[in-house]
N, C-alpha and C. Protein backbone atom coordinates (compact mmCIF):
# COMPACT_ATOMS: atom_id res chain seq x y z
N MET A 1 -141.35 -66.99 160.36
CA MET A 1 -139.94 -67.29 160.51
C MET A 1 -139.50 -68.41 159.58
N SER A 2 -140.31 -69.45 159.42
CA SER A 2 -139.92 -70.56 158.55
C SER A 2 -139.87 -70.12 157.09
N PHE A 3 -140.72 -69.14 156.69
CA PHE A 3 -140.69 -68.62 155.32
C PHE A 3 -139.36 -67.93 155.06
N GLU A 4 -138.85 -67.21 156.06
CA GLU A 4 -137.57 -66.51 155.93
C GLU A 4 -136.42 -67.51 155.78
N VAL A 5 -136.47 -68.60 156.54
CA VAL A 5 -135.44 -69.63 156.44
C VAL A 5 -135.45 -70.25 155.05
N LEU A 6 -136.65 -70.52 154.52
CA LEU A 6 -136.74 -71.11 153.19
C LEU A 6 -136.20 -70.18 152.12
N SER A 7 -136.52 -68.90 152.20
CA SER A 7 -136.04 -67.98 151.17
C SER A 7 -134.54 -67.76 151.28
N ASN A 8 -134.00 -67.78 152.48
CA ASN A 8 -132.56 -67.63 152.66
C ASN A 8 -131.80 -68.90 152.27
N SER A 9 -132.44 -70.05 152.39
CA SER A 9 -131.75 -71.30 152.07
C SER A 9 -131.37 -71.37 150.60
N GLY A 10 -132.15 -70.74 149.74
CA GLY A 10 -131.81 -70.71 148.31
C GLY A 10 -130.48 -70.02 148.08
N PHE A 11 -130.26 -68.91 148.78
CA PHE A 11 -128.99 -68.19 148.65
C PHE A 11 -127.84 -69.00 149.25
N VAL A 12 -128.12 -69.68 150.35
CA VAL A 12 -127.09 -70.53 150.97
C VAL A 12 -126.67 -71.64 150.01
N TRP A 13 -127.65 -72.29 149.38
CA TRP A 13 -127.34 -73.35 148.43
C TRP A 13 -126.53 -72.81 147.25
N LEU A 14 -126.90 -71.64 146.76
CA LEU A 14 -126.17 -71.06 145.62
C LEU A 14 -124.75 -70.65 146.01
N ILE A 15 -124.59 -70.14 147.22
CA ILE A 15 -123.24 -69.81 147.70
C ILE A 15 -122.40 -71.08 147.82
N LEU A 16 -123.01 -72.14 148.35
CA LEU A 16 -122.30 -73.43 148.44
C LEU A 16 -121.94 -73.95 147.04
N ALA A 17 -122.84 -73.79 146.08
CA ALA A 17 -122.56 -74.23 144.71
C ALA A 17 -121.35 -73.49 144.16
N VAL A 18 -121.29 -72.19 144.39
CA VAL A 18 -120.15 -71.39 143.90
C VAL A 18 -118.87 -71.80 144.63
N LEU A 19 -118.95 -72.02 145.94
CA LEU A 19 -117.76 -72.44 146.69
C LEU A 19 -117.23 -73.80 146.21
N PHE A 20 -118.13 -74.74 145.97
CA PHE A 20 -117.69 -76.04 145.45
C PHE A 20 -117.10 -75.89 144.05
N LEU A 21 -117.66 -75.00 143.25
CA LEU A 21 -117.12 -74.75 141.92
C LEU A 21 -115.71 -74.16 142.01
N LEU A 22 -115.51 -73.22 142.92
CA LEU A 22 -114.18 -72.64 143.12
C LEU A 22 -113.20 -73.69 143.64
N LEU A 23 -113.67 -74.54 144.52
CA LEU A 23 -112.83 -75.62 145.05
C LEU A 23 -112.44 -76.58 143.93
N GLU A 24 -113.36 -76.85 143.03
CA GLU A 24 -113.07 -77.72 141.88
C GLU A 24 -112.01 -77.09 140.99
N MET A 25 -112.11 -75.80 140.79
CA MET A 25 -111.14 -75.11 139.94
C MET A 25 -109.74 -75.15 140.55
N GLY A 26 -109.66 -75.24 141.86
CA GLY A 26 -108.37 -75.33 142.54
C GLY A 26 -107.84 -76.74 142.67
N THR A 27 -108.63 -77.72 142.27
CA THR A 27 -108.23 -79.13 142.35
C THR A 27 -108.21 -79.71 140.95
N PRO A 28 -107.06 -79.73 140.29
CA PRO A 28 -107.02 -80.12 138.88
C PRO A 28 -107.33 -81.60 138.64
N GLY A 29 -108.15 -81.85 137.64
CA GLY A 29 -108.32 -83.19 137.11
C GLY A 29 -109.24 -84.16 137.82
N LEU A 30 -109.86 -83.80 138.92
CA LEU A 30 -110.64 -84.79 139.65
C LEU A 30 -112.13 -84.77 139.31
N PHE A 31 -112.71 -83.61 139.03
CA PHE A 31 -114.14 -83.45 138.77
C PHE A 31 -114.98 -84.01 139.92
N PHE A 32 -114.48 -83.86 141.13
CA PHE A 32 -115.19 -84.38 142.29
C PHE A 32 -116.10 -83.32 142.89
N PHE A 33 -115.55 -82.14 143.14
CA PHE A 33 -116.32 -81.08 143.80
C PHE A 33 -117.39 -80.48 142.91
N ILE A 34 -117.22 -80.59 141.60
CA ILE A 34 -118.24 -80.05 140.70
C ILE A 34 -119.55 -80.82 140.86
N SER A 35 -119.46 -82.08 141.25
CA SER A 35 -120.67 -82.87 141.50
C SER A 35 -121.48 -82.26 142.65
N PHE A 36 -120.78 -81.85 143.70
CA PHE A 36 -121.46 -81.21 144.82
C PHE A 36 -121.99 -79.83 144.43
N SER A 37 -121.28 -79.17 143.55
CA SER A 37 -121.74 -77.87 143.06
C SER A 37 -123.07 -78.03 142.31
N VAL A 38 -123.16 -79.05 141.48
CA VAL A 38 -124.41 -79.32 140.75
C VAL A 38 -125.53 -79.65 141.74
N GLY A 39 -125.24 -80.47 142.73
CA GLY A 39 -126.24 -80.82 143.74
C GLY A 39 -126.74 -79.61 144.50
N CYS A 40 -125.84 -78.72 144.88
CA CYS A 40 -126.24 -77.50 145.59
C CYS A 40 -127.04 -76.56 144.69
N LEU A 41 -126.70 -76.52 143.42
CA LEU A 41 -127.44 -75.69 142.48
C LEU A 41 -128.89 -76.18 142.35
N VAL A 42 -129.06 -77.49 142.23
CA VAL A 42 -130.41 -78.06 142.15
C VAL A 42 -131.19 -77.75 143.44
N ALA A 43 -130.53 -77.91 144.59
CA ALA A 43 -131.19 -77.62 145.86
C ALA A 43 -131.56 -76.14 145.95
N GLY A 44 -130.70 -75.27 145.45
CA GLY A 44 -130.99 -73.83 145.45
C GLY A 44 -132.20 -73.50 144.60
N ILE A 45 -132.30 -74.13 143.45
CA ILE A 45 -133.47 -73.92 142.59
C ILE A 45 -134.74 -74.38 143.30
N LEU A 46 -134.67 -75.54 143.94
CA LEU A 46 -135.83 -76.04 144.69
C LEU A 46 -136.20 -75.11 145.84
N ALA A 47 -135.19 -74.51 146.47
CA ALA A 47 -135.47 -73.58 147.57
C ALA A 47 -136.22 -72.35 147.07
N PHE A 48 -135.84 -71.86 145.91
CA PHE A 48 -136.54 -70.70 145.35
C PHE A 48 -137.95 -71.06 144.87
N LEU A 49 -138.19 -72.34 144.66
CA LEU A 49 -139.53 -72.80 144.29
C LEU A 49 -140.34 -73.20 145.54
N TYR A 50 -139.79 -72.89 146.73
CA TYR A 50 -140.45 -73.07 148.03
C TYR A 50 -140.66 -74.52 148.44
N PHE A 51 -139.76 -75.41 148.02
CA PHE A 51 -139.78 -76.77 148.56
C PHE A 51 -139.15 -76.73 149.95
N ASN A 52 -139.56 -77.67 150.81
CA ASN A 52 -139.02 -77.64 152.17
C ASN A 52 -137.56 -78.10 152.20
N ILE A 53 -136.93 -77.85 153.33
CA ILE A 53 -135.49 -78.09 153.46
C ILE A 53 -135.12 -79.56 153.31
N ALA A 54 -136.02 -80.47 153.72
CA ALA A 54 -135.75 -81.90 153.57
C ALA A 54 -135.68 -82.29 152.10
N VAL A 55 -136.58 -81.75 151.30
CA VAL A 55 -136.57 -82.02 149.85
C VAL A 55 -135.31 -81.43 149.23
N GLN A 56 -134.94 -80.22 149.65
CA GLN A 56 -133.74 -79.57 149.12
C GLN A 56 -132.49 -80.40 149.41
N ALA A 57 -132.35 -80.82 150.67
CA ALA A 57 -131.17 -81.59 151.06
C ALA A 57 -131.13 -82.94 150.35
N SER A 58 -132.29 -83.58 150.26
CA SER A 58 -132.36 -84.88 149.56
C SER A 58 -131.98 -84.72 148.10
N ALA A 59 -132.49 -83.66 147.47
CA ALA A 59 -132.16 -83.42 146.06
C ALA A 59 -130.68 -83.14 145.89
N ALA A 60 -130.09 -82.40 146.83
CA ALA A 60 -128.66 -82.10 146.75
C ALA A 60 -127.84 -83.38 146.84
N ILE A 61 -128.20 -84.25 147.76
CA ILE A 61 -127.46 -85.51 147.94
C ILE A 61 -127.62 -86.42 146.73
N VAL A 62 -128.85 -86.63 146.30
CA VAL A 62 -129.11 -87.53 145.17
C VAL A 62 -128.46 -87.00 143.89
N THR A 63 -128.61 -85.70 143.63
CA THR A 63 -128.02 -85.12 142.43
C THR A 63 -126.50 -85.21 142.46
N SER A 64 -125.90 -84.97 143.63
CA SER A 64 -124.44 -85.07 143.75
C SER A 64 -123.96 -86.48 143.48
N ILE A 65 -124.65 -87.47 144.02
CA ILE A 65 -124.26 -88.87 143.80
C ILE A 65 -124.38 -89.24 142.32
N ILE A 66 -125.48 -88.84 141.70
CA ILE A 66 -125.66 -89.12 140.26
C ILE A 66 -124.56 -88.44 139.46
N ALA A 67 -124.27 -87.18 139.79
CA ALA A 67 -123.23 -86.44 139.06
C ALA A 67 -121.86 -87.09 139.23
N ILE A 68 -121.56 -87.61 140.42
CA ILE A 68 -120.28 -88.30 140.64
C ILE A 68 -120.16 -89.50 139.71
N PHE A 69 -121.21 -90.32 139.63
CA PHE A 69 -121.16 -91.51 138.78
C PHE A 69 -121.08 -91.15 137.30
N VAL A 70 -121.84 -90.14 136.89
CA VAL A 70 -121.81 -89.72 135.48
C VAL A 70 -120.43 -89.19 135.11
N LEU A 71 -119.88 -88.33 135.95
CA LEU A 71 -118.55 -87.77 135.66
C LEU A 71 -117.46 -88.83 135.73
N LYS A 72 -117.61 -89.80 136.64
CA LYS A 72 -116.62 -90.89 136.73
C LYS A 72 -116.64 -91.70 135.44
N LYS A 73 -117.83 -91.99 134.93
CA LYS A 73 -117.95 -92.76 133.70
C LYS A 73 -117.34 -91.99 132.53
N LEU A 74 -117.64 -90.70 132.43
CA LEU A 74 -117.07 -89.88 131.36
C LEU A 74 -115.55 -89.80 131.47
N PHE A 75 -115.05 -89.67 132.70
CA PHE A 75 -113.61 -89.55 132.93
C PHE A 75 -112.89 -90.85 132.57
N THR A 76 -113.44 -92.00 132.96
CA THR A 76 -112.78 -93.27 132.64
C THR A 76 -112.83 -93.56 131.14
N GLN A 77 -113.91 -93.15 130.47
CA GLN A 77 -113.97 -93.33 129.02
C GLN A 77 -112.92 -92.49 128.32
N SER A 78 -112.71 -91.27 128.79
CA SER A 78 -111.69 -90.42 128.16
C SER A 78 -110.30 -90.97 128.43
N LEU A 79 -110.08 -91.59 129.59
CA LEU A 79 -108.78 -92.20 129.87
C LEU A 79 -108.54 -93.41 128.98
N LYS A 80 -109.57 -94.22 128.75
CA LYS A 80 -109.42 -95.39 127.89
C LYS A 80 -109.06 -94.99 126.48
N SER A 81 -109.72 -93.96 125.96
CA SER A 81 -109.42 -93.53 124.59
C SER A 81 -108.03 -92.91 124.52
N ALA A 82 -107.58 -92.27 125.59
CA ALA A 82 -106.25 -91.67 125.59
C ALA A 82 -105.16 -92.73 125.64
N ASN A 83 -105.42 -93.88 126.25
CA ASN A 83 -104.42 -94.93 126.36
C ASN A 83 -104.14 -95.62 125.04
N HIS A 84 -105.02 -95.50 124.06
CA HIS A 84 -104.83 -96.18 122.79
C HIS A 84 -103.96 -95.39 121.83
N GLU A 85 -103.68 -94.15 122.15
CA GLU A 85 -102.85 -93.35 121.27
C GLU A 85 -101.39 -93.70 121.48
N LYS A 86 -100.67 -93.79 120.39
CA LYS A 86 -99.25 -94.11 120.48
C LYS A 86 -98.45 -92.84 120.73
N THR A 87 -97.36 -93.00 121.48
CA THR A 87 -96.47 -91.87 121.69
C THR A 87 -95.62 -91.68 120.44
N ASN A 88 -94.88 -90.61 120.39
CA ASN A 88 -94.07 -90.31 119.21
C ASN A 88 -93.13 -91.46 118.86
N ILE A 89 -92.45 -92.01 119.84
CA ILE A 89 -91.49 -93.07 119.54
C ILE A 89 -92.20 -94.35 119.11
N GLU A 90 -93.37 -94.64 119.64
CA GLU A 90 -94.11 -95.85 119.25
C GLU A 90 -94.62 -95.76 117.82
N ARG A 91 -94.80 -94.55 117.31
CA ARG A 91 -95.28 -94.37 115.94
C ARG A 91 -94.23 -94.79 114.91
N ILE A 92 -93.00 -94.89 115.34
CA ILE A 92 -91.92 -95.28 114.43
C ILE A 92 -91.97 -96.78 114.14
N ILE A 93 -92.49 -97.57 115.07
CA ILE A 93 -92.55 -99.02 114.88
C ILE A 93 -93.37 -99.33 113.62
N HIS A 94 -92.86 -100.23 112.80
CA HIS A 94 -93.43 -100.66 111.51
C HIS A 94 -93.24 -99.62 110.41
N SER A 95 -92.48 -98.56 110.68
CA SER A 95 -92.20 -97.56 109.65
C SER A 95 -91.01 -98.00 108.81
N GLN A 96 -90.94 -97.46 107.59
CA GLN A 96 -89.82 -97.74 106.71
C GLN A 96 -88.81 -96.60 106.81
N GLY A 97 -87.57 -96.93 106.51
CA GLY A 97 -86.50 -95.94 106.51
C GLY A 97 -85.36 -96.40 105.63
N ILE A 98 -84.25 -95.69 105.74
CA ILE A 98 -83.08 -96.02 104.93
C ILE A 98 -81.84 -95.97 105.81
N VAL A 99 -80.90 -96.89 105.55
CA VAL A 99 -79.66 -96.94 106.31
C VAL A 99 -78.74 -95.83 105.80
N ILE A 100 -78.25 -95.00 106.72
CA ILE A 100 -77.32 -93.94 106.31
C ILE A 100 -75.90 -94.21 106.82
N LYS A 101 -75.75 -95.15 107.74
CA LYS A 101 -74.44 -95.61 108.19
C LYS A 101 -74.56 -97.11 108.43
N GLU A 102 -73.70 -97.87 107.78
CA GLU A 102 -73.79 -99.34 107.80
C GLU A 102 -74.00 -99.90 109.21
N ILE A 103 -74.91 -100.88 109.29
CA ILE A 103 -75.19 -101.56 110.55
C ILE A 103 -74.42 -102.87 110.53
N ILE A 104 -73.53 -103.06 111.52
CA ILE A 104 -72.78 -104.31 111.63
C ILE A 104 -73.05 -104.92 113.01
N PRO A 105 -72.85 -106.23 113.14
CA PRO A 105 -73.22 -106.90 114.40
C PRO A 105 -72.56 -106.33 115.65
N ILE A 106 -71.30 -105.88 115.54
CA ILE A 106 -70.61 -105.42 116.75
C ILE A 106 -70.81 -103.93 117.03
N LYS A 107 -71.40 -103.22 116.07
CA LYS A 107 -71.57 -101.78 116.24
C LYS A 107 -72.86 -101.31 115.57
N PRO A 108 -73.69 -100.57 116.30
CA PRO A 108 -74.91 -100.06 115.68
C PRO A 108 -74.60 -99.09 114.55
N GLY A 109 -75.49 -99.04 113.60
CA GLY A 109 -75.38 -98.07 112.52
C GLY A 109 -76.40 -96.96 112.73
N GLN A 110 -76.68 -96.26 111.63
CA GLN A 110 -77.68 -95.20 111.71
C GLN A 110 -78.67 -95.34 110.58
N VAL A 111 -79.92 -95.01 110.90
CA VAL A 111 -80.98 -95.05 109.90
C VAL A 111 -81.75 -93.73 109.96
N LYS A 112 -82.38 -93.43 108.83
CA LYS A 112 -83.24 -92.25 108.79
C LYS A 112 -84.68 -92.74 108.62
N VAL A 113 -85.51 -92.41 109.62
CA VAL A 113 -86.91 -92.83 109.63
C VAL A 113 -87.76 -91.59 109.90
N LYS A 114 -88.70 -91.34 109.00
CA LYS A 114 -89.60 -90.18 109.13
C LYS A 114 -88.83 -88.88 109.36
N GLY A 115 -87.72 -88.74 108.64
CA GLY A 115 -86.95 -87.51 108.70
C GLY A 115 -86.02 -87.39 109.89
N GLU A 116 -85.98 -88.39 110.75
CA GLU A 116 -85.13 -88.35 111.94
C GLU A 116 -84.06 -89.42 111.85
N ILE A 117 -82.88 -89.11 112.36
CA ILE A 117 -81.77 -90.06 112.35
C ILE A 117 -81.74 -90.79 113.70
N TRP A 118 -81.67 -92.13 113.61
CA TRP A 118 -81.69 -92.98 114.79
C TRP A 118 -80.52 -93.95 114.75
N SER A 119 -80.06 -94.35 115.93
CA SER A 119 -79.10 -95.43 116.06
C SER A 119 -79.88 -96.73 115.89
N ALA A 120 -79.30 -97.68 115.14
CA ALA A 120 -80.07 -98.89 114.84
C ALA A 120 -79.20 -100.14 114.87
N LYS A 121 -79.84 -101.26 115.21
CA LYS A 121 -79.21 -102.59 115.18
C LYS A 121 -80.08 -103.49 114.31
N SER A 122 -79.43 -104.49 113.73
CA SER A 122 -80.15 -105.45 112.90
C SER A 122 -80.77 -106.54 113.77
N ILE A 123 -81.99 -106.93 113.44
CA ILE A 123 -82.66 -107.99 114.18
C ILE A 123 -82.00 -109.35 113.89
N THR A 124 -81.42 -109.49 112.69
CA THR A 124 -80.81 -110.76 112.30
C THR A 124 -79.34 -110.85 112.67
N LYS A 125 -78.78 -109.78 113.22
CA LYS A 125 -77.36 -109.71 113.58
C LYS A 125 -76.45 -109.81 112.36
N GLU A 126 -77.01 -109.58 111.19
CA GLU A 126 -76.21 -109.56 109.96
C GLU A 126 -76.05 -108.12 109.51
N PRO A 127 -74.97 -107.82 108.79
CA PRO A 127 -74.74 -106.44 108.35
C PRO A 127 -75.84 -105.97 107.39
N ILE A 128 -76.16 -104.69 107.49
CA ILE A 128 -77.07 -104.05 106.55
C ILE A 128 -76.32 -102.84 105.98
N GLU A 129 -76.18 -102.80 104.68
CA GLU A 129 -75.33 -101.79 104.04
C GLU A 129 -76.04 -100.45 103.90
N LYS A 130 -75.21 -99.42 103.77
CA LYS A 130 -75.70 -98.06 103.57
C LYS A 130 -76.56 -98.01 102.31
N GLY A 131 -77.70 -97.33 102.39
CA GLY A 131 -78.60 -97.21 101.25
C GLY A 131 -79.72 -98.23 101.22
N GLU A 132 -79.60 -99.29 102.02
CA GLU A 132 -80.65 -100.33 102.07
C GLU A 132 -81.91 -99.75 102.72
N LYS A 133 -83.05 -100.21 102.23
CA LYS A 133 -84.32 -99.83 102.84
C LYS A 133 -84.60 -100.79 103.99
N ILE A 134 -85.06 -100.23 105.10
CA ILE A 134 -85.31 -101.04 106.30
C ILE A 134 -86.73 -100.81 106.82
N LYS A 135 -87.12 -101.72 107.72
CA LYS A 135 -88.39 -101.58 108.43
C LYS A 135 -88.09 -101.69 109.92
N VAL A 136 -88.68 -100.81 110.71
CA VAL A 136 -88.46 -100.82 112.16
C VAL A 136 -89.34 -101.91 112.79
N ILE A 137 -88.71 -102.81 113.53
CA ILE A 137 -89.41 -103.91 114.19
C ILE A 137 -89.82 -103.54 115.62
N ARG A 138 -88.87 -103.00 116.37
CA ARG A 138 -89.15 -102.60 117.75
C ARG A 138 -88.09 -101.61 118.21
N ILE A 139 -88.23 -101.18 119.45
CA ILE A 139 -87.29 -100.24 120.03
C ILE A 139 -86.72 -100.87 121.30
N GLU A 140 -85.41 -100.84 121.43
CA GLU A 140 -84.73 -101.33 122.64
C GLU A 140 -83.84 -100.20 123.15
N GLY A 141 -84.22 -99.62 124.26
CA GLY A 141 -83.45 -98.49 124.79
C GLY A 141 -83.53 -97.33 123.82
N ASN A 142 -82.34 -96.88 123.36
CA ASN A 142 -82.32 -95.79 122.40
C ASN A 142 -81.93 -96.27 121.00
N HIS A 143 -82.07 -97.57 120.74
CA HIS A 143 -81.77 -98.15 119.43
C HIS A 143 -83.05 -98.69 118.78
N LEU A 144 -83.14 -98.47 117.49
CA LEU A 144 -84.20 -99.12 116.72
C LEU A 144 -83.69 -100.49 116.30
N ILE A 145 -84.53 -101.49 116.39
CA ILE A 145 -84.20 -102.82 115.90
C ILE A 145 -84.89 -102.94 114.55
N VAL A 146 -84.07 -103.17 113.51
CA VAL A 146 -84.59 -103.10 112.14
C VAL A 146 -84.29 -104.38 111.37
N GLU A 147 -85.00 -104.53 110.26
CA GLU A 147 -84.72 -105.61 109.32
C GLU A 147 -84.76 -105.02 107.92
N ILE A 148 -84.13 -105.71 106.99
CA ILE A 148 -84.17 -105.27 105.60
C ILE A 148 -85.62 -105.37 105.13
N GLU A 149 -86.09 -104.32 104.47
CA GLU A 149 -87.47 -104.31 104.00
C GLU A 149 -87.64 -105.31 102.88
N LYS A 150 -88.64 -106.17 103.03
CA LYS A 150 -88.93 -107.17 102.00
C LYS A 150 -89.71 -106.50 100.88
N GLN A 151 -89.28 -106.73 99.67
CA GLN A 151 -89.88 -106.02 98.53
C GLN A 151 -91.08 -106.73 97.98
């Protein structure tokens, strides 16, 4: 009877591994249940190699815990690298452009930067004439804050 339980436990572990994998696929972005899937897979392999149920369960638990920490480390590293990328609007900062509509202190003008037309204000609050080359200093709301490009 115990031999039958051991041989059936391998299938139970593999079914659990598949169920955890399906659960992971239904839970976007967490990589939590896949750790248990890996643990159950290892336990299933041990069951087919005729290790007792205590060894199988211990291997499932230990492997799942290790997988959680490994996946957490990989996930946090990918988040850190993703945070360093600039968004489209941030890429405009420090770019050069040209004034296409005069910028005066009381009214924003327009500049063309990287092929796009933007509303712009002068950082010095002094007028910048049409045709002048500018550099983008920062972004405030939907206006670029610019200065005349130093040659």
